[in-house]
Amino acid sequence: MAITLVIDGETVNVIGAHAPQVGRSEVEKKSFWDSLDELVWECLSDHRLIIGGDLNGHIGAAADGYAGVHGGFGFRVRNDEGRSILEFATAHDLVVANSFFKKRDVHLITFQSGGHETQIDYLLVRRRDLRVCRDCRVFPSEVCSSQHKLLALDALFERRHPRRVAIGWPRILWKNLNGEVAELFRGKVLERLSTQSDSRDADQM
């Protein structure tokens, strides 16, 4: 699912995704990543982009070769599906936002079932937009579904103001009015005054 929001002239593309579970065929997994790849390429590079959803992979607790994409604050051990997430993010110059904020495990775990706890839900943004992300965490007490926990991103996108174009009279640099320039200016003024005086005399005749 993908939607485009325009807020105060700012375009934000939001993509919701649900990756195939561990154990599904490689063909199905490749089809998912290819489809998501096409969606991302359709988003203009100067637009904001947020990808969120159940990506069914473990990116691991540490960056381990993915510094700049993985912030170093993940959960437990990386698997092949998690590596696919990081490779995809690298290819599109994205970052996994919920790995850039140090949290207790309870605010990292996005999925619980039968005593099993893990992190499989993620929020990805463009690398350049990481600077406007103020926090990303799980709210374990919020009701989202029977197994998934609510993952939220707190970001402050600055409104881009159009560049102002100055209008009005041209600025006069009086400091340049010296020497030959001053004499030339004086001559032009006297000439203009003389012309205007002759014109008034002719009108009075």
C-alpha atoms as a PDB file:
ATOM      1  CA  MET A   1       0.000   0.000   0.000  1.00  0.00           C
ATOM      2  CA  ALA A   2       1.273   3.473  -0.853  1.00  0.00           C
ATOM      3  CA  ILE A   3      -0.145   6.948  -0.309  1.00  0.00           C
ATOM      4  CA  THR A   4       1.153  10.416  -1.093  1.00  0.00           C
ATOM      5  CA  LEU A   5       0.537  13.282   1.318  1.00  0.00           C
ATOM      6  CA  VAL A   6       1.040  16.970   0.566  1.00  0.00           C
ATOM      7  CA  ILE A   7       1.408  19.026   3.742  1.00  0.00           C
ATOM      8  CA  ASP A   8       2.205  22.746   3.494  1.00  0.00           C
ATOM      9  CA  GLY A   9       3.723  22.160   0.078  1.00  0.00           C
ATOM     10  CA  GLU A  10       5.824  19.230   1.338  1.00  0.00           C
ATOM     11  CA  THR A  11       5.300  15.892  -0.430  1.00  0.00           C
ATOM     12  CA  VAL A  12       5.584  12.785   1.746  1.00  0.00           C
ATOM     13  CA  ASN A  13       5.336   9.286   0.261  1.00  0.00           C
ATOM     14  CA  VAL A  14       4.246   6.636   2.764  1.00  0.00           C
ATOM     15  CA  ILE A  15       4.564   2.941   1.887  1.00  0.00           C
ATOM     16  CA  GLY A  16       3.155   0.121   3.985  1.00  0.00           C
ATOM     17  CA  ALA A  17       4.708  -3.304   3.399  1.00  0.00           C
ATOM     18  CA  HIS A  18       4.331  -6.894   4.612  1.00  0.00           C
ATOM     19  CA  ALA A  19       7.186  -9.201   3.647  1.00  0.00           C
ATOM     20  CA  PRO A  20       6.833 -12.986   3.270  1.00  0.00           C
ATOM     21  CA  GLN A  21       7.544 -14.949   6.445  1.00  0.00           C
ATOM     22  CA  VAL A  22      10.658 -16.991   7.105  1.00  0.00           C
ATOM     23  CA  GLY A  23      10.244 -20.326   5.344  1.00  0.00           C
ATOM     24  CA  ARG A  24       8.403 -18.992   2.295  1.00  0.00           C
ATOM     25  CA  SER A  25       9.939 -19.624  -1.125  1.00  0.00           C
ATOM     26  CA  GLU A  26      12.813 -17.512  -2.433  1.00  0.00           C
ATOM     27  CA  VAL A  27      10.688 -16.728  -5.498  1.00  0.00           C
ATOM     28  CA  GLU A  28       8.002 -15.163  -3.300  1.00  0.00           C
ATOM     29  CA  LYS A  29      10.564 -13.180  -1.318  1.00  0.00           C
ATOM     30  CA  LYS A  30      12.262 -11.892  -4.473  1.00  0.00           C
ATOM     31  CA  SER A  31       8.894 -10.866  -5.902  1.00  0.00           C
ATOM     32  CA  PHE A  32       8.170  -8.846  -2.761  1.00  0.00           C
ATOM     33  CA  TRP A  33      11.478  -6.968  -2.802  1.00  0.00           C
ATOM     34  CA  ASP A  34      11.230  -6.331  -6.548  1.00  0.00           C
ATOM     35  CA  SER A  35       7.749  -4.827  -6.108  1.00  0.00           C
ATOM     36  CA  LEU A  36       8.912  -2.644  -3.225  1.00  0.00           C
ATOM     37  CA  ASP A  37      11.935  -1.610  -5.270  1.00  0.00           C
ATOM     38  CA  GLU A  38       9.656  -0.388  -8.086  1.00  0.00           C
ATOM     39  CA  LEU A  39       7.496   1.576  -5.652  1.00  0.00           C
ATOM     40  CA  VAL A  40      10.509   3.364  -4.198  1.00  0.00           C
ATOM     41  CA  TRP A  41      11.908   4.251  -7.621  1.00  0.00           C
ATOM     42  CA  GLU A  42       8.555   5.841  -8.494  1.00  0.00           C
ATOM     43  CA  CYS A  43       8.993   8.300  -5.603  1.00  0.00           C
ATOM     44  CA  LEU A  44      10.826  11.463  -6.649  1.00  0.00           C
ATOM     45  CA  SER A  45      14.179  11.816  -4.922  1.00  0.00           C
ATOM     46  CA  ASP A  46      13.352  15.253  -3.486  1.00  0.00           C
ATOM     47  CA  HIS A  47      10.186  13.949  -1.804  1.00  0.00           C
ATOM     48  CA  ARG A  48      10.106  12.597   1.741  1.00  0.00           C
ATOM     49  CA  LEU A  49       9.789   8.823   2.007  1.00  0.00           C
ATOM     50  CA  ILE A  50       8.659   6.613   4.883  1.00  0.00           C
ATOM     51  CA  ILE A  51       8.454   2.822   4.574  1.00  0.00           C
ATOM     52  CA  GLY A  52       6.881   0.965   7.450  1.00  0.00           C
ATOM     53  CA  GLY A  53       5.584  -2.491   8.126  1.00  0.00           C
ATOM     54  CA  ASP A  54       6.193  -6.099   9.025  1.00  0.00           C
ATOM     55  CA  LEU A  55       9.344  -6.909   7.073  1.00  0.00           C
ATOM     56  CA  ASN A  56       9.723 -10.331   8.730  1.00  0.00           C
ATOM     57  CA  GLY A  57      13.457 -10.164   9.306  1.00  0.00           C
ATOM     58  CA  HIS A  58      15.920  -9.731  12.167  1.00  0.00           C
ATOM     59  CA  ILE A  59      18.482  -6.985  11.531  1.00  0.00           C
ATOM     60  CA  GLY A  60      20.423  -7.860  14.698  1.00  0.00           C
ATOM     61  CA  ALA A  61      21.639  -5.833  17.648  1.00  0.00           C
ATOM     62  CA  ALA A  62      24.756  -4.343  16.011  1.00  0.00           C
ATOM     63  CA  ALA A  63      25.502  -2.691  12.663  1.00  0.00           C
ATOM     64  CA  ASP A  64      28.175  -5.269  11.693  1.00  0.00           C
ATOM     65  CA  GLY A  65      29.008  -4.085   8.177  1.00  0.00           C
ATOM     66  CA  TYR A  66      25.965  -1.870   7.712  1.00  0.00           C
ATOM     67  CA  ALA A  67      27.062   1.263   9.550  1.00  0.00           C
ATOM     68  CA  GLY A  68      25.082   4.249   8.343  1.00  0.00           C
ATOM     69  CA  VAL A  69      22.074   2.053   7.562  1.00  0.00           C
ATOM     70  CA  HIS A  70      21.850   0.229  10.886  1.00  0.00           C
ATOM     71  CA  GLY A  71      22.250   2.594  13.837  1.00  0.00           C
ATOM     72  CA  GLY A  72      23.659  -0.034  16.187  1.00  0.00           C
ATOM     73  CA  PHE A  73      20.613  -0.365  18.437  1.00  0.00           C
ATOM     74  CA  GLY A  74      18.736  -3.415  17.196  1.00  0.00           C
ATOM     75  CA  PHE A  75      17.610  -6.636  18.834  1.00  0.00           C
ATOM     76  CA  ARG A  76      19.373 -10.001  19.106  1.00  0.00           C
ATOM     77  CA  VAL A  77      20.778 -11.913  16.101  1.00  0.00           C
ATOM     78  CA  ARG A  78      20.575 -11.048  12.400  1.00  0.00           C
ATOM     79  CA  ASN A  79      19.159 -13.566   9.918  1.00  0.00           C
ATOM     80  CA  ASP A  80      19.097 -13.755   6.103  1.00  0.00           C
ATOM     81  CA  GLU A  81      15.787 -11.907   5.929  1.00  0.00           C
ATOM     82  CA  GLY A  82      17.227  -9.117   8.077  1.00  0.00           C
ATOM     83  CA  ARG A  83      20.213  -8.926   5.771  1.00  0.00           C
ATOM     84  CA  SER A  84      17.812  -8.453   2.846  1.00  0.00           C
ATOM     85  CA  ILE A  85      16.254  -5.482   4.665  1.00  0.00           C
ATOM     86  CA  LEU A  86      19.662  -3.877   5.177  1.00  0.00           C
ATOM     87  CA  GLU A  87      20.743  -4.552   1.587  1.00  0.00           C
ATOM     88  CA  PHE A  88      17.538  -2.960   0.305  1.00  0.00           C
ATOM     89  CA  ALA A  89      18.060   0.081   2.533  1.00  0.00           C
ATOM     90  CA  THR A  90      21.652   0.405   1.324  1.00  0.00           C
ATOM     91  CA  ALA A  91      20.586   0.270  -2.332  1.00  0.00           C
ATOM     92  CA  HIS A  92      18.124   3.138  -1.860  1.00  0.00           C
ATOM     93  CA  ASP A  93      20.176   5.233   0.587  1.00  0.00           C
ATOM     94  CA  LEU A  94      17.692   4.576   3.392  1.00  0.00           C
ATOM     95  CA  VAL A  95      18.181   3.997   7.104  1.00  0.00           C
ATOM     96  CA  VAL A  96      16.327   1.788   9.587  1.00  0.00           C
ATOM     97  CA  ALA A  97      15.040   4.532  11.887  1.00  0.00           C
ATOM     98  CA  ASN A  98      14.244   2.305  14.858  1.00  0.00           C
ATOM     99  CA  SER A  99      17.876   1.168  15.059  1.00  0.00           C
ATOM    100  CA  PHE A 100      19.234   4.687  15.667  1.00  0.00           C
ATOM    101  CA  PHE A 101      17.776   5.279  19.117  1.00  0.00           C
ATOM    102  CA  LYS A 102      19.069   3.455  22.177  1.00  0.00           C
ATOM    103  CA  LYS A 103      16.144   1.804  23.951  1.00  0.00           C
ATOM    104  CA  ARG A 104      15.385  -0.876  26.474  1.00  0.00           C
ATOM    105  CA  ASP A 105      14.328  -4.190  24.936  1.00  0.00           C
ATOM    106  CA  VAL A 106      10.675  -3.524  25.755  1.00  0.00           C
ATOM    107  CA  HIS A 107      10.808  -0.536  23.381  1.00  0.00           C
ATOM    108  CA  LEU A 108      12.558  -2.535  20.635  1.00  0.00           C
ATOM    109  CA  ILE A 109      10.446  -5.701  20.586  1.00  0.00           C
ATOM    110  CA  THR A 110       7.683  -5.405  17.987  1.00  0.00           C
ATOM    111  CA  PHE A 111       6.286  -8.946  18.053  1.00  0.00           C
ATOM    112  CA  GLN A 112       5.307 -11.341  20.846  1.00  0.00           C
ATOM    113  CA  SER A 113       3.764 -14.786  20.496  1.00  0.00           C
ATOM    114  CA  GLY A 114       3.763 -17.754  22.866  1.00  0.00           C
ATOM    115  CA  GLY A 115       6.562 -16.360  24.994  1.00  0.00           C
ATOM    116  CA  HIS A 116       8.639 -15.585  21.879  1.00  0.00           C
ATOM    117  CA  GLU A 117       9.812 -11.980  21.522  1.00  0.00           C
ATOM    118  CA  THR A 118      11.466 -10.462  18.468  1.00  0.00           C
ATOM    119  CA  GLN A 119      11.845  -7.407  16.256  1.00  0.00           C
ATOM    120  CA  ILE A 120      10.371  -7.738  12.767  1.00  0.00           C
ATOM    121  CA  ASP A 121       8.611  -4.386  12.218  1.00  0.00           C
ATOM    122  CA  TYR A 122      10.631  -1.440  10.954  1.00  0.00           C
ATOM    123  CA  LEU A 123      10.426   2.152   9.786  1.00  0.00           C
ATOM    124  CA  LEU A 124      12.769   3.225   6.991  1.00  0.00           C
ATOM    125  CA  VAL A 125      13.444   6.809   5.897  1.00  0.00           C
ATOM    126  CA  ARG A 126      15.865   8.517   3.542  1.00  0.00           C
ATOM    127  CA  ARG A 127      19.328   8.907   5.044  1.00  0.00           C
ATOM    128  CA  ARG A 128      19.187  12.699   4.711  1.00  0.00           C
ATOM    129  CA  ASP A 129      15.920  12.769   6.693  1.00  0.00           C
ATOM    130  CA  LEU A 130      17.421  11.008   9.708  1.00  0.00           C
ATOM    131  CA  ARG A 131      18.385  14.428  11.094  1.00  0.00           C
ATOM    132  CA  VAL A 132      14.689  15.362  11.501  1.00  0.00           C
ATOM    133  CA  CYS A 133      13.836  12.097  13.296  1.00  0.00           C
ATOM    134  CA  ARG A 134      13.673  12.849  17.005  1.00  0.00           C
ATOM    135  CA  ASP A 135      12.640   9.422  18.283  1.00  0.00           C
ATOM    136  CA  CYS A 136      11.473   5.993  17.165  1.00  0.00           C
ATOM    137  CA  ARG A 137      10.189   3.444  19.652  1.00  0.00           C
ATOM    138  CA  VAL A 138       7.670   0.735  20.439  1.00  0.00           C
ATOM    139  CA  PHE A 139       4.717   1.503  22.711  1.00  0.00           C
ATOM    140  CA  PRO A 140       4.099  -1.925  24.288  1.00  0.00           C
ATOM    141  CA  SER A 141       0.945  -0.911  26.149  1.00  0.00           C
ATOM    142  CA  GLU A 142      -0.847   0.422  23.061  1.00  0.00           C
ATOM    143  CA  VAL A 143      -3.295  -2.015  21.481  1.00  0.00           C
ATOM    144  CA  CYS A 144      -2.244  -2.605  17.866  1.00  0.00           C
ATOM    145  CA  SER A 145      -2.936  -6.301  17.280  1.00  0.00           C
ATOM    146  CA  SER A 146      -2.848  -9.479  19.320  1.00  0.00           C
ATOM    147  CA  GLN A 147       0.850 -10.032  18.537  1.00  0.00           C
ATOM    148  CA  HIS A 148       2.355  -6.889  17.002  1.00  0.00           C
ATOM    149  CA  LYS A 149       3.280  -3.832  19.051  1.00  0.00           C
ATOM    150  CA  LEU A 150       2.810  -0.220  17.965  1.00  0.00           C
ATOM    151  CA  LEU A 151       5.978   1.251  16.459  1.00  0.00           C
ATOM    152  CA  ALA A 152       6.002   5.056  16.149  1.00  0.00           C
ATOM    153  CA  LEU A 153       8.331   7.601  14.573  1.00  0.00           C
ATOM    154  CA  ASP A 154       8.582  11.147  15.901  1.00  0.00           C
ATOM    155  CA  ALA A 155       9.885  13.409  13.139  1.00  0.00           C
ATOM    156  CA  LEU A 156       9.783  17.139  12.566  1.00  0.00           C
ATOM    157  CA  PHE A 157       9.805  17.891   8.854  1.00  0.00           C
ATOM    158  CA  GLU A 158      10.743  21.526   8.361  1.00  0.00           C
ATOM    159  CA  ARG A 159       8.544  23.463   6.000  1.00  0.00           C
ATOM    160  CA  ARG A 160      10.459  24.533   2.922  1.00  0.00           C
ATOM    161  CA  HIS A 161       9.861  28.234   2.321  1.00  0.00           C
ATOM    162  CA  PRO A 162      10.009  29.446  -1.290  1.00  0.00           C
ATOM    163  CA  ARG A 163      12.944  31.686  -2.023  1.00  0.00           C
ATOM    164  CA  ARG A 164      11.955  35.348  -1.852  1.00  0.00           C
ATOM    165  CA  VAL A 165      12.707  37.566  -4.821  1.00  0.00           C
ATOM    166  CA  ALA A 166      13.556  41.141  -3.951  1.00  0.00           C
ATOM    167  CA  ILE A 167      11.534  43.767  -5.795  1.00  0.00           C
ATOM    168  CA  GLY A 168      11.689  47.565  -5.782  1.00  0.00           C
ATOM    169  CA  TRP A 169      14.173  50.259  -6.738  1.00  0.00           C
ATOM    170  CA  PRO A 170      17.769  49.215  -7.391  1.00  0.00           C
ATOM    171  CA  ARG A 171      20.169  49.890  -4.545  1.00  0.00           C
ATOM    172  CA  ILE A 172      22.484  52.889  -4.980  1.00  0.00           C
ATOM    173  CA  LEU A 173      26.058  52.368  -3.825  1.00  0.00           C
ATOM    174  CA  TRP A 174      26.925  55.893  -2.705  1.00  0.00           C
ATOM    175  CA  LYS A 175      30.408  54.853  -1.593  1.00  0.00           C
ATOM    176  CA  ASN A 176      31.344  54.482  -5.268  1.00  0.00           C
ATOM    177  CA  LEU A 177      30.432  58.124  -5.956  1.00  0.00           C
ATOM    178  CA  ASN A 178      33.918  59.660  -5.965  1.00  0.00           C
ATOM    179  CA  GLY A 179      36.568  60.918  -8.363  1.00  0.00           C
ATOM    180  CA  GLU A 180      35.683  60.641 -12.056  1.00  0.00           C
ATOM    181  CA  VAL A 181      32.404  58.925 -11.225  1.00  0.00           C
ATOM    182  CA  ALA A 182      31.350  61.865  -9.053  1.00  0.00           C
ATOM    183  CA  GLU A 183      32.192  64.365 -11.806  1.00  0.00           C
ATOM    184  CA  LEU A 184      30.293  62.317 -14.382  1.00  0.00           C
ATOM    185  CA  PHE A 185      27.288  62.096 -12.050  1.00  0.00           C
ATOM    186  CA  ARG A 186      27.422  65.863 -11.406  1.00  0.00           C
ATOM    187  CA  GLY A 187      27.462  66.562 -15.141  1.00  0.00           C
ATOM    188  CA  LYS A 188      24.463  64.268 -15.741  1.00  0.00           C
ATOM    189  CA  VAL A 189      22.465  65.983 -12.968  1.00  0.00           C
ATOM    190  CA  LEU A 190      23.234  69.502 -14.273  1.00  0.00           C
ATOM    191  CA  GLU A 191      22.340  68.423 -17.797  1.00  0.00           C
ATOM    192  CA  ARG A 192      19.008  67.011 -16.623  1.00  0.00           C
ATOM    193  CA  LEU A 193      18.203  70.157 -14.611  1.00  0.00           C
ATOM    194  CA  SER A 194      19.073  72.378 -17.571  1.00  0.00           C
ATOM    195  CA  THR A 195      16.811  70.355 -19.880  1.00  0.00           C
ATOM    196  CA  GLN A 196      13.900  70.568 -17.449  1.00  0.00           C
ATOM    197  CA  SER A 197      14.425  74.360 -17.036  1.00  0.00           C
ATOM    198  CA  ASP A 198      14.400  74.932 -20.803  1.00  0.00           C
ATOM    199  CA  SER A 199      11.224  72.859 -21.076  1.00  0.00           C
ATOM    200  CA  ARG A 200       9.420  74.972 -18.443  1.00  0.00           C
ATOM    201  CA  ASP A 201      10.512  78.234 -20.132  1.00  0.00           C
ATOM    202  CA  ALA A 202       9.119  76.992 -23.456  1.00  0.00           C
ATOM    203  CA  ASP A 203       5.771  76.129 -21.847  1.00  0.00           C
ATOM    204  CA  GLN A 204       5.472  79.633 -20.398  1.00  0.00           C
ATOM    205  CA  MET A 205       5.950  81.385 -23.754  1.00  0.00           C
END
